[in-house]
Amino acid sequence: AILAFYKVGGSVGEWIFGILAVVAIITGITGFCG
């Protein structure tokens, strides 16, 4: 999420890191990984 916020890798990196952040945090909180 921090990497996405600082736009590491430009706009594409922002999206990739943003999606990875959301997935990692949700799976970490719920304890379930599909």
PDB file of all heavy atoms in Angstrom:
ATOM      1  N   ALA A   1       0.832  -1.203   0.000  1.00  0.00           N
ATOM      2  CA  ALA A   1       0.000   0.000   0.000  1.00  0.00           C
ATOM      3  C   ALA A   1       0.868   1.255   0.000  1.00  0.00           C
ATOM      4  O   ALA A   1       0.556   2.234  -0.701  1.00  0.00           O
ATOM      5  CB  ALA A   1      -0.931  -0.009   1.208  1.00  0.00           C
ATOM      6  N   ILE A   2       1.946   1.237   0.759  1.00  0.00           N
ATOM      7  CA  ILE A   2       2.863   2.382   0.772  1.00  0.00           C
ATOM      8  C   ILE A   2       3.503   2.570  -0.597  1.00  0.00           C
ATOM      9  O   ILE A   2       3.606   3.694  -1.100  1.00  0.00           O
ATOM     10  CB  ILE A   2       3.936   2.198   1.869  1.00  0.00           C
ATOM     11  CG1 ILE A   2       3.283   2.296   3.252  1.00  0.00           C
ATOM     12  CG2 ILE A   2       5.059   3.212   1.723  1.00  0.00           C
ATOM     13  CD1 ILE A   2       4.175   1.855   4.391  1.00  0.00           C
ATOM     14  N   LEU A   3       3.931   1.460  -1.218  1.00  0.00           N
ATOM     15  CA  LEU A   3       4.515   1.546  -2.561  1.00  0.00           C
ATOM     16  C   LEU A   3       3.506   2.085  -3.569  1.00  0.00           C
ATOM     17  O   LEU A   3       3.853   2.876  -4.449  1.00  0.00           O
ATOM     18  CB  LEU A   3       5.031   0.174  -2.999  1.00  0.00           C
ATOM     19  CG  LEU A   3       6.234  -0.363  -2.227  1.00  0.00           C
ATOM     20  CD1 LEU A   3       6.543  -1.794  -2.658  1.00  0.00           C
ATOM     21  CD2 LEU A   3       7.446   0.528  -2.416  1.00  0.00           C
ATOM     22  N   ALA A   4       2.248   1.677  -3.446  1.00  0.00           N
ATOM     23  CA  ALA A   4       1.207   2.182  -4.348  1.00  0.00           C
ATOM     24  C   ALA A   4       0.967   3.665  -4.099  1.00  0.00           C
ATOM     25  O   ALA A   4       0.797   4.440  -5.048  1.00  0.00           O
ATOM     26  CB  ALA A   4      -0.089   1.397  -4.144  1.00  0.00           C
ATOM     27  N   PHE A   5       0.960   4.068  -2.839  1.00  0.00           N
ATOM     28  CA  PHE A   5       0.723   5.466  -2.492  1.00  0.00           C
ATOM     29  C   PHE A   5       1.801   6.374  -3.088  1.00  0.00           C
ATOM     30  O   PHE A   5       1.513   7.456  -3.580  1.00  0.00           O
ATOM     31  CB  PHE A   5       0.663   5.634  -0.974  1.00  0.00           C
ATOM     32  CG  PHE A   5       0.417   7.041  -0.535  1.00  0.00           C
ATOM     33  CD1 PHE A   5      -0.862   7.579  -0.602  1.00  0.00           C
ATOM     34  CD2 PHE A   5       1.445   7.827  -0.065  1.00  0.00           C
ATOM     35  CE1 PHE A   5      -1.101   8.883  -0.205  1.00  0.00           C
ATOM     36  CE2 PHE A   5       1.220   9.124   0.342  1.00  0.00           C
ATOM     37  CZ  PHE A   5      -0.063   9.660   0.265  1.00  0.00           C
ATOM     38  N   TYR A   6       3.056   5.915  -3.043  1.00  0.00           N
ATOM     39  CA  TYR A   6       4.157   6.706  -3.592  1.00  0.00           C
ATOM     40  C   TYR A   6       4.379   6.460  -5.077  1.00  0.00           C
ATOM     41  O   TYR A   6       5.369   6.940  -5.646  1.00  0.00           O
ATOM     42  CB  TYR A   6       5.437   6.456  -2.801  1.00  0.00           C
ATOM     43  CG  TYR A   6       5.407   7.126  -1.452  1.00  0.00           C
ATOM     44  CD1 TYR A   6       5.269   6.394  -0.285  1.00  0.00           C
ATOM     45  CD2 TYR A   6       5.490   8.509  -1.347  1.00  0.00           C
ATOM     46  CE1 TYR A   6       5.221   7.002   0.947  1.00  0.00           C
ATOM     47  CE2 TYR A   6       5.442   9.137  -0.118  1.00  0.00           C
ATOM     48  CZ  TYR A   6       5.307   8.388   1.027  1.00  0.00           C
ATOM     49  OH  TYR A   6       5.253   9.009   2.249  1.00  0.00           O
ATOM     50  N   LYS A   7       3.488   5.712  -5.711  1.00  0.00           N
ATOM     51  CA  LYS A   7       3.490   5.457  -7.152  1.00  0.00           C
ATOM     52  C   LYS A   7       4.819   4.895  -7.659  1.00  0.00           C
ATOM     53  O   LYS A   7       5.343   5.320  -8.682  1.00  0.00           O
ATOM     54  CB  LYS A   7       3.106   6.717  -7.919  1.00  0.00           C
ATOM     55  CG  LYS A   7       1.722   7.192  -7.581  1.00  0.00           C
ATOM     56  CD  LYS A   7       1.318   8.395  -8.380  1.00  0.00           C
ATOM     57  CE  LYS A   7      -0.086   8.801  -7.951  1.00  0.00           C
ATOM     58  NZ  LYS A   7      -0.613   9.883  -8.705  1.00  0.00           N
ATOM     59  N   VAL A   8       5.355   3.941  -6.917  1.00  0.00           N
ATOM     60  CA  VAL A   8       6.579   3.257  -7.342  1.00  0.00           C
ATOM     61  C   VAL A   8       6.240   2.454  -8.596  1.00  0.00           C
ATOM     62  O   VAL A   8       5.302   1.672  -8.613  1.00  0.00           O
ATOM     63  CB  VAL A   8       7.108   2.333  -6.222  1.00  0.00           C
ATOM     64  CG1 VAL A   8       8.288   1.507  -6.709  1.00  0.00           C
ATOM     65  CG2 VAL A   8       7.481   3.147  -5.003  1.00  0.00           C
ATOM     66  N   GLY A   9       6.981   2.650  -9.647  1.00  0.00           N
ATOM     67  CA  GLY A   9       6.714   1.959 -10.902  1.00  0.00           C
ATOM     68  C   GLY A   9       5.710   2.683 -11.785  1.00  0.00           C
ATOM     69  O   GLY A   9       5.185   2.100 -12.732  1.00  0.00           O
ATOM     70  N   GLY A  10       5.428   3.934 -11.471  1.00  0.00           N
ATOM     71  CA  GLY A  10       4.497   4.711 -12.291  1.00  0.00           C
ATOM     72  C   GLY A  10       3.059   4.312 -12.033  1.00  0.00           C
ATOM     73  O   GLY A  10       2.724   3.708 -11.014  1.00  0.00           O
ATOM     74  N   SER A  11       2.200   4.644 -12.986  1.00  0.00           N
ATOM     75  CA  SER A  11       0.772   4.369 -12.792  1.00  0.00           C
ATOM     76  C   SER A  11       0.463   2.876 -12.832  1.00  0.00           C
ATOM     77  O   SER A  11      -0.438   2.406 -12.139  1.00  0.00           O
ATOM     78  CB  SER A  11      -0.059   5.112 -13.838  1.00  0.00           C
ATOM     79  OG  SER A  11       0.288   4.691 -15.133  1.00  0.00           O
ATOM     80  N   VAL A  12       1.221   2.115 -13.613  1.00  0.00           N
ATOM     81  CA  VAL A  12       1.012   0.666 -13.666  1.00  0.00           C
ATOM     82  C   VAL A  12       1.422   0.041 -12.334  1.00  0.00           C
ATOM     83  O   VAL A  12       0.715  -0.801 -11.778  1.00  0.00           O
ATOM     84  CB  VAL A  12       1.799   0.028 -14.836  1.00  0.00           C
ATOM     85  CG1 VAL A  12       1.709  -1.483 -14.790  1.00  0.00           C
ATOM     86  CG2 VAL A  12       1.300   0.554 -16.159  1.00  0.00           C
ATOM     87  N   GLY A  13       2.550   0.468 -11.811  1.00  0.00           N
ATOM     88  CA  GLY A  13       3.009  -0.030 -10.512  1.00  0.00           C
ATOM     89  C   GLY A  13       2.039   0.328  -9.400  1.00  0.00           C
ATOM     90  O   GLY A  13       1.825  -0.453  -8.474  1.00  0.00           O
ATOM     91  N   GLU A  14       1.449   1.517  -9.508  1.00  0.00           N
ATOM     92  CA  GLU A  14       0.463   1.943  -8.519  1.00  0.00           C
ATOM     93  C   GLU A  14      -0.712   0.969  -8.479  1.00  0.00           C
ATOM     94  O   GLU A  14      -1.159   0.557  -7.409  1.00  0.00           O
ATOM     95  CB  GLU A  14      -0.030   3.342  -8.853  1.00  0.00           C
ATOM     96  CG  GLU A  14      -1.074   3.883  -7.922  1.00  0.00           C
ATOM     97  CD  GLU A  14      -1.578   5.251  -8.343  1.00  0.00           C
ATOM     98  OE1 GLU A  14      -1.224   5.728  -9.439  1.00  0.00           O
ATOM     99  OE2 GLU A  14      -2.337   5.842  -7.566  1.00  0.00           O
ATOM    100  N   TRP A  15      -1.212   0.588  -9.638  1.00  0.00           N
ATOM    101  CA  TRP A  15      -2.327  -0.361  -9.705  1.00  0.00           C
ATOM    102  C   TRP A  15      -1.932  -1.750  -9.216  1.00  0.00           C
ATOM    103  O   TRP A  15      -2.663  -2.389  -8.464  1.00  0.00           O
ATOM    104  CB  TRP A  15      -2.870  -0.455 -11.130  1.00  0.00           C
ATOM    105  CG  TRP A  15      -3.834   0.635 -11.431  1.00  0.00           C
ATOM    106  CD1 TRP A  15      -3.573   1.799 -12.079  1.00  0.00           C
ATOM    107  CD2 TRP A  15      -5.212   0.673 -11.063  1.00  0.00           C
ATOM    108  NE1 TRP A  15      -4.708   2.557 -12.132  1.00  0.00           N
ATOM    109  CE2 TRP A  15      -5.734   1.901 -11.528  1.00  0.00           C
ATOM    110  CE3 TRP A  15      -6.045  -0.201 -10.386  1.00  0.00           C
ATOM    111  CZ2 TRP A  15      -7.056   2.253 -11.331  1.00  0.00           C
ATOM    112  CZ3 TRP A  15      -7.370   0.157 -10.199  1.00  0.00           C
ATOM    113  CH2 TRP A  15      -7.850   1.374 -10.670  1.00  0.00           C
ATOM    114  N   ILE A  16      -0.772  -2.203  -9.662  1.00  0.00           N
ATOM    115  CA  ILE A  16      -0.327  -3.544  -9.268  1.00  0.00           C
ATOM    116  C   ILE A  16      -0.126  -3.627  -7.758  1.00  0.00           C
ATOM    117  O   ILE A  16      -0.622  -4.543  -7.102  1.00  0.00           O
ATOM    118  CB  ILE A  16       0.960  -3.939 -10.028  1.00  0.00           C
ATOM    119  CG1 ILE A  16       0.639  -4.152 -11.501  1.00  0.00           C
ATOM    120  CG2 ILE A  16       1.590  -5.196  -9.431  1.00  0.00           C
ATOM    121  CD1 ILE A  16       1.852  -4.331 -12.385  1.00  0.00           C
ATOM    122  N   PHE A  17       0.615  -2.664  -7.195  1.00  0.00           N
ATOM    123  CA  PHE A  17       0.849  -2.672  -5.753  1.00  0.00           C
ATOM    124  C   PHE A  17      -0.443  -2.450  -4.976  1.00  0.00           C
ATOM    125  O   PHE A  17      -0.634  -3.009  -3.898  1.00  0.00           O
ATOM    126  CB  PHE A  17       1.904  -1.634  -5.360  1.00  0.00           C
ATOM    127  CG  PHE A  17       3.302  -2.023  -5.731  1.00  0.00           C
ATOM    128  CD1 PHE A  17       4.096  -1.174  -6.484  1.00  0.00           C
ATOM    129  CD2 PHE A  17       3.836  -3.234  -5.336  1.00  0.00           C
ATOM    130  CE1 PHE A  17       5.390  -1.519  -6.828  1.00  0.00           C
ATOM    131  CE2 PHE A  17       5.125  -3.600  -5.675  1.00  0.00           C
ATOM    132  CZ  PHE A  17       5.908  -2.736  -6.430  1.00  0.00           C
ATOM    133  N   GLY A  18      -1.339  -1.655  -5.521  1.00  0.00           N
ATOM    134  CA  GLY A  18      -2.626  -1.436  -4.864  1.00  0.00           C
ATOM    135  C   GLY A  18      -3.457  -2.701  -4.779  1.00  0.00           C
ATOM    136  O   GLY A  18      -4.025  -3.023  -3.729  1.00  0.00           O
ATOM    137  N   ILE A  19      -3.507  -3.441  -5.878  1.00  0.00           N
ATOM    138  CA  ILE A  19      -4.266  -4.693  -5.898  1.00  0.00           C
ATOM    139  C   ILE A  19      -3.620  -5.720  -4.963  1.00  0.00           C
ATOM    140  O   ILE A  19      -4.313  -6.399  -4.206  1.00  0.00           O
ATOM    141  CB  ILE A  19      -4.372  -5.240  -7.340  1.00  0.00           C
ATOM    142  CG1 ILE A  19      -5.270  -4.324  -8.160  1.00  0.00           C
ATOM    143  CG2 ILE A  19      -4.888  -6.671  -7.358  1.00  0.00           C
ATOM    144  CD1 ILE A  19      -5.240  -4.582  -9.657  1.00  0.00           C
ATOM    145  N   LEU A  20      -2.292  -5.820  -5.017  1.00  0.00           N
ATOM    146  CA  LEU A  20      -1.592  -6.742  -4.126  1.00  0.00           C
ATOM    147  C   LEU A  20      -1.828  -6.384  -2.660  1.00  0.00           C
ATOM    148  O   LEU A  20      -1.998  -7.270  -1.817  1.00  0.00           O
ATOM    149  CB  LEU A  20      -0.089  -6.743  -4.416  1.00  0.00           C
ATOM    150  CG  LEU A  20       0.349  -7.400  -5.718  1.00  0.00           C
ATOM    151  CD1 LEU A  20       1.848  -7.182  -5.939  1.00  0.00           C
ATOM    152  CD2 LEU A  20       0.022  -8.883  -5.717  1.00  0.00           C
ATOM    153  N   ALA A  21      -1.857  -5.086  -2.362  1.00  0.00           N
ATOM    154  CA  ALA A  21      -2.091  -4.641  -0.985  1.00  0.00           C
ATOM    155  C   ALA A  21      -3.470  -5.066  -0.510  1.00  0.00           C
ATOM    156  O   ALA A  21      -3.620  -5.612   0.588  1.00  0.00           O
ATOM    157  CB  ALA A  21      -1.943  -3.125  -0.888  1.00  0.00           C
ATOM    158  N   VAL A  22      -4.477  -4.831  -1.328  1.00  0.00           N
ATOM    159  CA  VAL A  22      -5.853  -5.175  -0.941  1.00  0.00           C
ATOM    160  C   VAL A  22      -5.993  -6.678  -0.726  1.00  0.00           C
ATOM    161  O   VAL A  22      -6.546  -7.126   0.282  1.00  0.00           O
ATOM    162  CB  VAL A  22      -6.856  -4.669  -1.999  1.00  0.00           C
ATOM    163  CG1 VAL A  22      -8.235  -5.231  -1.770  1.00  0.00           C
ATOM    164  CG2 VAL A  22      -6.890  -3.149  -2.012  1.00  0.00           C
ATOM    165  N   VAL A  23      -5.482  -7.467  -1.653  1.00  0.00           N
ATOM    166  CA  VAL A  23      -5.587  -8.923  -1.545  1.00  0.00           C
ATOM    167  C   VAL A  23      -4.837  -9.434  -0.313  1.00  0.00           C
ATOM    168  O   VAL A  23      -5.367 -10.248   0.449  1.00  0.00           O
ATOM    169  CB  VAL A  23      -5.068  -9.612  -2.829  1.00  0.00           C
ATOM    170  CG1 VAL A  23      -4.948 -11.111  -2.641  1.00  0.00           C
ATOM    171  CG2 VAL A  23      -5.978  -9.289  -4.006  1.00  0.00           C
ATOM    172  N   ALA A  24      -3.615  -8.944  -0.106  1.00  0.00           N
ATOM    173  CA  ALA A  24      -2.816  -9.412   1.034  1.00  0.00           C
ATOM    174  C   ALA A  24      -3.475  -9.055   2.362  1.00  0.00           C
ATOM    175  O   ALA A  24      -3.541  -9.880   3.274  1.00  0.00           O
ATOM    176  CB  ALA A  24      -1.411  -8.819   0.963  1.00  0.00           C
ATOM    177  N   ILE A  25      -3.983  -7.839   2.472  1.00  0.00           N
ATOM    178  CA  ILE A  25      -4.600  -7.421   3.733  1.00  0.00           C
ATOM    179  C   ILE A  25      -5.900  -8.175   3.981  1.00  0.00           C
ATOM    180  O   ILE A  25      -6.149  -8.653   5.099  1.00  0.00           O
ATOM    181  CB  ILE A  25      -4.810  -5.895   3.751  1.00  0.00           C
ATOM    182  CG1 ILE A  25      -3.445  -5.190   3.827  1.00  0.00           C
ATOM    183  CG2 ILE A  25      -5.691  -5.479   4.920  1.00  0.00           C
ATOM    184  CD1 ILE A  25      -3.494  -3.692   3.645  1.00  0.00           C
ATOM    185  N   ILE A  26      -6.727  -8.339   2.968  1.00  0.00           N
ATOM    186  CA  ILE A  26      -8.001  -9.054   3.153  1.00  0.00           C
ATOM    187  C   ILE A  26      -7.757 -10.514   3.522  1.00  0.00           C
ATOM    188  O   ILE A  26      -8.378 -11.039   4.449  1.00  0.00           O
ATOM    189  CB  ILE A  26      -8.893  -8.932   1.904  1.00  0.00           C
ATOM    190  CG1 ILE A  26      -9.420  -7.510   1.793  1.00  0.00           C
ATOM    191  CG2 ILE A  26     -10.049  -9.927   1.953  1.00  0.00           C
ATOM    192  CD1 ILE A  26     -10.194  -7.224   0.530  1.00  0.00           C
ATOM    193  N   THR A  27      -6.848 -11.181   2.817  1.00  0.00           N
ATOM    194  CA  THR A  27      -6.591 -12.590   3.141  1.00  0.00           C
ATOM    195  C   THR A  27      -5.924 -12.729   4.503  1.00  0.00           C
ATOM    196  O   THR A  27      -6.148 -13.705   5.215  1.00  0.00           O
ATOM    197  CB  THR A  27      -5.737 -13.280   2.064  1.00  0.00           C
ATOM    198  OG1 THR A  27      -4.496 -12.584   1.921  1.00  0.00           O
ATOM    199  CG2 THR A  27      -6.461 -13.344   0.743  1.00  0.00           C
ATOM    200  N   GLY A  28      -5.102 -11.745   4.889  1.00  0.00           N
ATOM    201  CA  GLY A  28      -4.478 -11.785   6.205  1.00  0.00           C
ATOM    202  C   GLY A  28      -5.484 -11.603   7.324  1.00  0.00           C
ATOM    203  O   GLY A  28      -5.403 -12.258   8.357  1.00  0.00           O
ATOM    204  N   ILE A  29      -6.450 -10.731   7.115  1.00  0.00           N
ATOM    205  CA  ILE A  29      -7.460 -10.482   8.145  1.00  0.00           C
ATOM    206  C   ILE A  29      -8.448 -11.637   8.248  1.00  0.00           C
ATOM    207  O   ILE A  29      -8.793 -12.086   9.339  1.00  0.00           O
ATOM    208  CB  ILE A  29      -8.190  -9.154   7.875  1.00  0.00           C
ATOM    209  CG1 ILE A  29      -7.233  -7.981   8.106  1.00  0.00           C
ATOM    210  CG2 ILE A  29      -9.432  -9.010   8.749  1.00  0.00           C
ATOM    211  CD1 ILE A  29      -7.784  -6.638   7.684  1.00  0.00           C
ATOM    212  N   THR A  30      -8.901 -12.139   7.102  1.00  0.00           N
ATOM    213  CA  THR A  30      -9.908 -13.207   7.120  1.00  0.00           C
ATOM    214  C   THR A  30      -9.320 -14.583   7.421  1.00  0.00           C
ATOM    215  O   THR A  30     -10.020 -15.460   7.916  1.00  0.00           O
ATOM    216  CB  THR A  30     -10.659 -13.287   5.780  1.00  0.00           C
ATOM    217  OG1 THR A  30      -9.740 -13.617   4.736  1.00  0.00           O
ATOM    218  CG2 THR A  30     -11.385 -11.989   5.472  1.00  0.00           C
ATOM    219  N   GLY A  31      -8.045 -14.780   7.096  1.00  0.00           N
ATOM    220  CA  GLY A  31      -7.423 -16.083   7.324  1.00  0.00           C
ATOM    221  C   GLY A  31      -7.733 -17.098   6.246  1.00  0.00           C
ATOM    222  O   GLY A  31      -7.430 -18.278   6.386  1.00  0.00           O
ATOM    223  N   PHE A  32      -8.320 -16.656   5.152  1.00  0.00           N
ATOM    224  CA  PHE A  32      -8.670 -17.563   4.065  1.00  0.00           C
ATOM    225  C   PHE A  32      -7.997 -17.118   2.777  1.00  0.00           C
ATOM    226  O   PHE A  32      -8.077 -15.958   2.392  1.00  0.00           O
ATOM    227  CB  PHE A  32     -10.178 -17.610   3.847  1.00  0.00           C
ATOM    228  CG  PHE A  32     -10.578 -18.468   2.681  1.00  0.00           C
ATOM    229  CD1 PHE A  32     -10.582 -19.840   2.788  1.00  0.00           C
ATOM    230  CD2 PHE A  32     -10.924 -17.907   1.463  1.00  0.00           C
ATOM    231  CE1 PHE A  32     -10.929 -20.643   1.712  1.00  0.00           C
ATOM    232  CE2 PHE A  32     -11.281 -18.690   0.383  1.00  0.00           C
ATOM    233  CZ  PHE A  32     -11.282 -20.064   0.507  1.00  0.00           C
ATOM    234  N   CYS A  33      -7.341 -18.063   2.105  1.00  0.00           N
ATOM    235  CA  CYS A  33      -6.716 -17.805   0.812  1.00  0.00           C
ATOM    236  C   CYS A  33      -7.297 -18.785  -0.200  1.00  0.00           C
ATOM    237  O   CYS A  33      -7.161 -20.001  -0.045  1.00  0.00           O
ATOM    238  CB  CYS A  33      -5.203 -17.976   0.907  1.00  0.00           C
ATOM    239  SG  CYS A  33      -4.356 -17.747  -0.668  1.00  0.00           S
ATOM    240  N   GLY A  34      -7.958 -18.260  -1.214  1.00  0.00           N
ATOM    241  CA  GLY A  34      -8.570 -19.096  -2.241  1.00  0.00           C
ATOM    242  C   GLY A  34      -7.548 -19.907  -3.018  1.00  0.00           C
ATOM    243  O   GLY A  34      -7.792 -21.063  -3.375  1.00  0.00           O
TER     244      GLY A  34
END
